[in-house]
C-alpha cells in the first residue's frame, strides 16, 4: 500500500462523511436560523427554545434519511473491502 492509495482512501472517506453529514446538519442549521429569527422578533431569550426544535428535527431527519445513509455506508464499505486485496500490493 503506497501513499497514493492511502490518500485516495482517506479522500473517499472524508467525501462520504461529508455527503452523509450535510443533509442532517443543513436541516438543523435551517431550523436554528428560523428559531433565532423567531426569538429575535419576539424578544424571547430562552435557551431551550433553540435547542429542542433543532434536536427534534435532527432526530426526525436521521430517522427519515436512515435507509439512504445506511445504503451509502454499505456501498462505500463494500467498495473499500472489495479493493482491499489491491491495496495490499
N, C-alpha and C. Protein backbone atom coordinates (compact mmCIF):
# COMPACT_ATOMS: atom_id res chain seq x y z
N UNK A 1 0.85 -1.17 0.00
CA UNK A 1 0.00 0.00 0.00
C UNK A 1 0.90 1.24 0.00
N UNK A 2 0.76 2.04 -1.02
CA UNK A 2 1.59 3.23 -1.10
C UNK A 2 0.83 4.47 -0.64
N UNK A 3 1.52 5.58 -0.68
CA UNK A 3 0.93 6.82 -0.17
C UNK A 3 -0.25 7.27 -1.01
N UNK A 4 -0.18 7.05 -2.31
CA UNK A 4 -1.27 7.48 -3.19
C UNK A 4 -2.57 6.74 -2.86
N UNK A 5 -2.46 5.46 -2.60
CA UNK A 5 -3.64 4.66 -2.25
C UNK A 5 -4.23 5.12 -0.93
N UNK A 6 -3.37 5.38 0.04
CA UNK A 6 -3.84 5.83 1.35
C UNK A 6 -4.55 7.18 1.22
N UNK A 7 -3.97 8.08 0.45
CA UNK A 7 -4.59 9.39 0.26
C UNK A 7 -5.92 9.26 -0.47
N UNK A 8 -5.99 8.36 -1.44
CA UNK A 8 -7.24 8.14 -2.17
C UNK A 8 -8.33 7.60 -1.24
N UNK A 9 -7.99 6.63 -0.40
CA UNK A 9 -8.98 6.06 0.54
C UNK A 9 -9.42 7.12 1.55
N UNK A 10 -8.50 7.89 2.07
CA UNK A 10 -8.85 8.96 3.01
C UNK A 10 -9.73 10.02 2.35
N UNK A 11 -9.41 10.34 1.09
CA UNK A 11 -10.21 11.31 0.36
C UNK A 11 -11.64 10.80 0.18
N UNK A 12 -11.80 9.54 -0.20
CA UNK A 12 -13.13 8.96 -0.35
C UNK A 12 -13.87 8.90 0.98
N UNK A 13 -13.15 8.61 2.05
CA UNK A 13 -13.77 8.54 3.37
C UNK A 13 -14.27 9.91 3.82
N UNK A 14 -13.46 10.93 3.63
CA UNK A 14 -13.88 12.28 4.00
C UNK A 14 -15.06 12.75 3.15
N UNK A 15 -15.04 12.42 1.87
CA UNK A 15 -16.15 12.79 1.00
C UNK A 15 -17.44 12.09 1.44
N UNK A 16 -17.34 10.82 1.77
CA UNK A 16 -18.53 10.07 2.21
C UNK A 16 -19.06 10.65 3.52
N UNK A 17 -18.18 11.00 4.42
CA UNK A 17 -18.60 11.62 5.68
C UNK A 17 -19.33 12.93 5.40
N UNK A 18 -18.80 13.71 4.47
CA UNK A 18 -19.42 14.98 4.10
C UNK A 18 -20.80 14.76 3.50
N UNK A 19 -20.93 13.80 2.58
CA UNK A 19 -22.20 13.52 1.92
C UNK A 19 -23.26 13.07 2.93
N UNK A 20 -22.86 12.30 3.91
CA UNK A 20 -23.81 11.79 4.90
C UNK A 20 -24.19 12.88 5.91
N UNK A 21 -23.24 13.72 6.29
CA UNK A 21 -23.49 14.69 7.36
C UNK A 21 -24.19 15.96 6.90
N UNK A 22 -24.00 16.36 5.65
CA UNK A 22 -24.54 17.64 5.19
C UNK A 22 -26.06 17.73 5.28
N UNK A 23 -26.82 16.72 4.84
CA UNK A 23 -28.28 16.88 4.96
C UNK A 23 -28.77 17.06 6.40
N UNK A 24 -28.20 16.30 7.31
CA UNK A 24 -28.62 16.39 8.71
C UNK A 24 -28.23 17.74 9.30
N UNK A 25 -26.99 18.15 9.08
CA UNK A 25 -26.54 19.44 9.61
C UNK A 25 -27.23 20.61 8.92
N UNK A 26 -27.51 20.47 7.63
CA UNK A 26 -28.17 21.54 6.89
C UNK A 26 -29.58 21.80 7.41
N UNK A 27 -30.32 20.74 7.63
CA UNK A 27 -31.68 20.92 8.16
C UNK A 27 -31.63 21.49 9.57
N UNK A 28 -30.68 21.02 10.38
CA UNK A 28 -30.52 21.58 11.72
C UNK A 28 -30.17 23.05 11.68
N UNK A 29 -29.35 23.44 10.70
CA UNK A 29 -28.98 24.85 10.58
C UNK A 29 -30.17 25.70 10.15
N UNK A 30 -30.95 25.20 9.21
CA UNK A 30 -32.13 25.95 8.76
C UNK A 30 -33.11 26.15 9.91
N UNK A 31 -33.35 25.11 10.68
CA UNK A 31 -34.25 25.22 11.83
C UNK A 31 -33.66 26.18 12.87
N UNK A 32 -32.35 26.09 13.09
CA UNK A 32 -31.71 27.01 14.04
C UNK A 32 -31.84 28.46 13.65
N UNK A 33 -31.67 28.75 12.36
CA UNK A 33 -31.83 30.13 11.88
C UNK A 33 -33.29 30.58 12.02
N UNK A 34 -34.23 29.70 11.70
CA UNK A 34 -35.65 30.06 11.82
C UNK A 34 -36.00 30.35 13.28
N UNK A 35 -35.50 29.52 14.19
CA UNK A 35 -35.78 29.74 15.62
C UNK A 35 -35.11 31.03 16.09
N UNK A 36 -33.91 31.30 15.63
CA UNK A 36 -33.22 32.54 16.01
C UNK A 36 -33.98 33.77 15.52
N UNK A 37 -34.48 33.70 14.30
CA UNK A 37 -35.27 34.82 13.80
C UNK A 37 -36.54 34.99 14.63
N UNK A 38 -37.19 33.88 14.96
CA UNK A 38 -38.39 33.94 15.80
C UNK A 38 -38.06 34.53 17.17
N UNK A 39 -36.93 34.13 17.76
CA UNK A 39 -36.54 34.67 19.07
C UNK A 39 -36.24 36.16 18.98
N UNK A 40 -35.63 36.57 17.90
CA UNK A 40 -35.32 37.99 17.73
C UNK A 40 -36.59 38.81 17.57
N UNK A 41 -37.51 38.30 16.80
CA UNK A 41 -38.76 39.03 16.57
C UNK A 41 -39.62 39.12 17.82
N UNK A 42 -39.59 38.09 18.66
CA UNK A 42 -40.44 38.08 19.85
C UNK A 42 -39.70 38.46 21.12
N UNK A 43 -38.40 38.67 21.04
CA UNK A 43 -37.56 39.02 22.20
C UNK A 43 -37.58 37.95 23.28
N UNK A 44 -37.75 36.70 22.88
CA UNK A 44 -37.67 35.57 23.81
C UNK A 44 -36.23 35.08 23.81
N UNK A 45 -35.64 34.95 24.98
CA UNK A 45 -34.25 34.53 25.07
C UNK A 45 -34.08 33.21 25.83
N UNK A 46 -35.03 32.32 25.70
CA UNK A 46 -34.97 31.03 26.38
C UNK A 46 -34.04 30.09 25.61
N UNK A 47 -33.07 29.48 26.29
CA UNK A 47 -32.10 28.60 25.64
C UNK A 47 -32.74 27.32 25.13
N UNK A 48 -33.72 26.80 25.85
CA UNK A 48 -34.34 25.55 25.42
C UNK A 48 -35.17 25.73 24.15
N UNK A 49 -35.60 26.94 23.89
CA UNK A 49 -36.38 27.21 22.69
C UNK A 49 -35.55 27.00 21.43
N UNK A 50 -34.27 27.23 21.50
CA UNK A 50 -33.43 27.00 20.32
C UNK A 50 -32.92 25.56 20.27
N UNK A 51 -32.77 24.92 21.40
CA UNK A 51 -32.19 23.58 21.43
C UNK A 51 -33.19 22.48 21.06
N UNK A 52 -34.37 22.55 21.62
CA UNK A 52 -35.36 21.47 21.44
C UNK A 52 -35.79 21.31 19.98
N UNK A 53 -36.14 22.37 19.26
CA UNK A 53 -36.54 22.17 17.85
C UNK A 53 -35.40 21.59 16.99
N UNK A 54 -34.17 22.05 17.23
CA UNK A 54 -33.04 21.50 16.47
C UNK A 54 -32.84 20.03 16.78
N UNK A 55 -32.98 19.66 18.04
CA UNK A 55 -32.83 18.26 18.44
C UNK A 55 -33.90 17.39 17.80
N UNK A 56 -35.13 17.86 17.84
CA UNK A 56 -36.23 17.08 17.28
C UNK A 56 -36.08 16.93 15.77
N UNK A 57 -35.75 18.02 15.06
CA UNK A 57 -35.61 17.92 13.61
C UNK A 57 -34.40 17.08 13.22
N UNK A 58 -33.35 17.11 14.01
CA UNK A 58 -32.19 16.26 13.72
C UNK A 58 -32.55 14.79 13.87
N UNK A 59 -33.26 14.45 14.92
CA UNK A 59 -33.67 13.06 15.14
C UNK A 59 -34.62 12.60 14.03
N UNK A 60 -35.57 13.44 13.66
CA UNK A 60 -36.51 13.08 12.59
C UNK A 60 -35.77 12.94 11.26
N UNK A 61 -34.82 13.83 10.99
CA UNK A 61 -34.05 13.75 9.75
C UNK A 61 -33.24 12.47 9.69
N UNK A 62 -32.58 12.11 10.78
CA UNK A 62 -31.81 10.87 10.81
C UNK A 62 -32.73 9.67 10.63
N UNK A 63 -33.90 9.72 11.24
CA UNK A 63 -34.86 8.62 11.09
C UNK A 63 -35.33 8.50 9.64
N UNK A 64 -35.65 9.63 9.01
CA UNK A 64 -36.15 9.60 7.64
C UNK A 64 -35.05 9.27 6.62
N UNK A 65 -33.84 9.76 6.85
CA UNK A 65 -32.74 9.51 5.92
C UNK A 65 -31.93 8.27 6.29
N UNK A 66 -32.33 7.56 7.34
CA UNK A 66 -31.60 6.39 7.80
C UNK A 66 -31.35 5.34 6.73
N UNK A 67 -32.38 4.95 5.97
CA UNK A 67 -32.13 3.95 4.92
C UNK A 67 -31.15 4.43 3.85
N UNK A 68 -31.26 5.70 3.47
CA UNK A 68 -30.34 6.25 2.48
C UNK A 68 -28.91 6.29 3.03
N UNK A 69 -28.76 6.72 4.28
CA UNK A 69 -27.44 6.77 4.90
C UNK A 69 -26.84 5.37 5.00
N UNK A 70 -27.65 4.40 5.43
CA UNK A 70 -27.19 3.03 5.54
C UNK A 70 -26.77 2.48 4.18
N UNK A 71 -27.54 2.77 3.14
CA UNK A 71 -27.20 2.33 1.79
C UNK A 71 -25.87 2.92 1.33
N UNK A 72 -25.66 4.21 1.57
CA UNK A 72 -24.40 4.86 1.19
C UNK A 72 -23.21 4.25 1.93
N UNK A 73 -23.37 4.02 3.23
CA UNK A 73 -22.28 3.45 4.03
C UNK A 73 -21.99 2.02 3.58
N UNK A 74 -23.03 1.25 3.29
CA UNK A 74 -22.82 -0.13 2.83
C UNK A 74 -22.12 -0.15 1.47
N UNK A 75 -22.52 0.71 0.54
CA UNK A 75 -21.85 0.78 -0.76
C UNK A 75 -20.38 1.13 -0.59
N UNK A 76 -20.10 2.09 0.26
CA UNK A 76 -18.72 2.51 0.49
C UNK A 76 -17.90 1.38 1.12
N UNK A 77 -18.48 0.71 2.11
CA UNK A 77 -17.77 -0.38 2.77
C UNK A 77 -17.50 -1.52 1.81
N UNK A 78 -18.48 -1.88 1.00
CA UNK A 78 -18.29 -2.96 0.03
C UNK A 78 -17.20 -2.57 -0.97
N UNK A 79 -17.22 -1.33 -1.43
CA UNK A 79 -16.20 -0.87 -2.38
C UNK A 79 -14.80 -0.92 -1.77
N UNK A 80 -14.67 -0.48 -0.53
CA UNK A 80 -13.36 -0.49 0.13
C UNK A 80 -12.90 -1.92 0.37
N UNK A 81 -13.79 -2.78 0.86
CA UNK A 81 -13.40 -4.16 1.15
C UNK A 81 -13.10 -4.95 -0.11
N UNK A 82 -13.80 -4.65 -1.20
CA UNK A 82 -13.52 -5.37 -2.45
C UNK A 82 -12.19 -4.94 -3.04
N UNK A 83 -11.76 -3.74 -2.76
CA UNK A 83 -10.47 -3.26 -3.25
C UNK A 83 -9.34 -3.51 -2.26
N UNK A 84 -9.64 -4.15 -1.15
CA UNK A 84 -8.64 -4.37 -0.10
C UNK A 84 -7.47 -5.20 -0.60
N UNK A 85 -7.75 -6.21 -1.43
CA UNK A 85 -6.67 -7.04 -1.97
C UNK A 85 -5.73 -6.23 -2.85
N UNK A 86 -6.30 -5.31 -3.63
CA UNK A 86 -5.43 -4.49 -4.49
C UNK A 86 -4.65 -3.46 -3.67
N UNK A 87 -5.18 -3.07 -2.50
CA UNK A 87 -4.47 -2.12 -1.65
C UNK A 87 -3.22 -2.75 -1.05
N UNK A 88 -3.24 -4.06 -0.81
CA UNK A 88 -2.13 -4.73 -0.15
C UNK A 88 -0.91 -4.85 -1.05
N UNK A 89 -1.10 -4.70 -2.34
CA UNK A 89 0.03 -4.88 -3.29
C UNK A 89 0.98 -3.71 -3.25
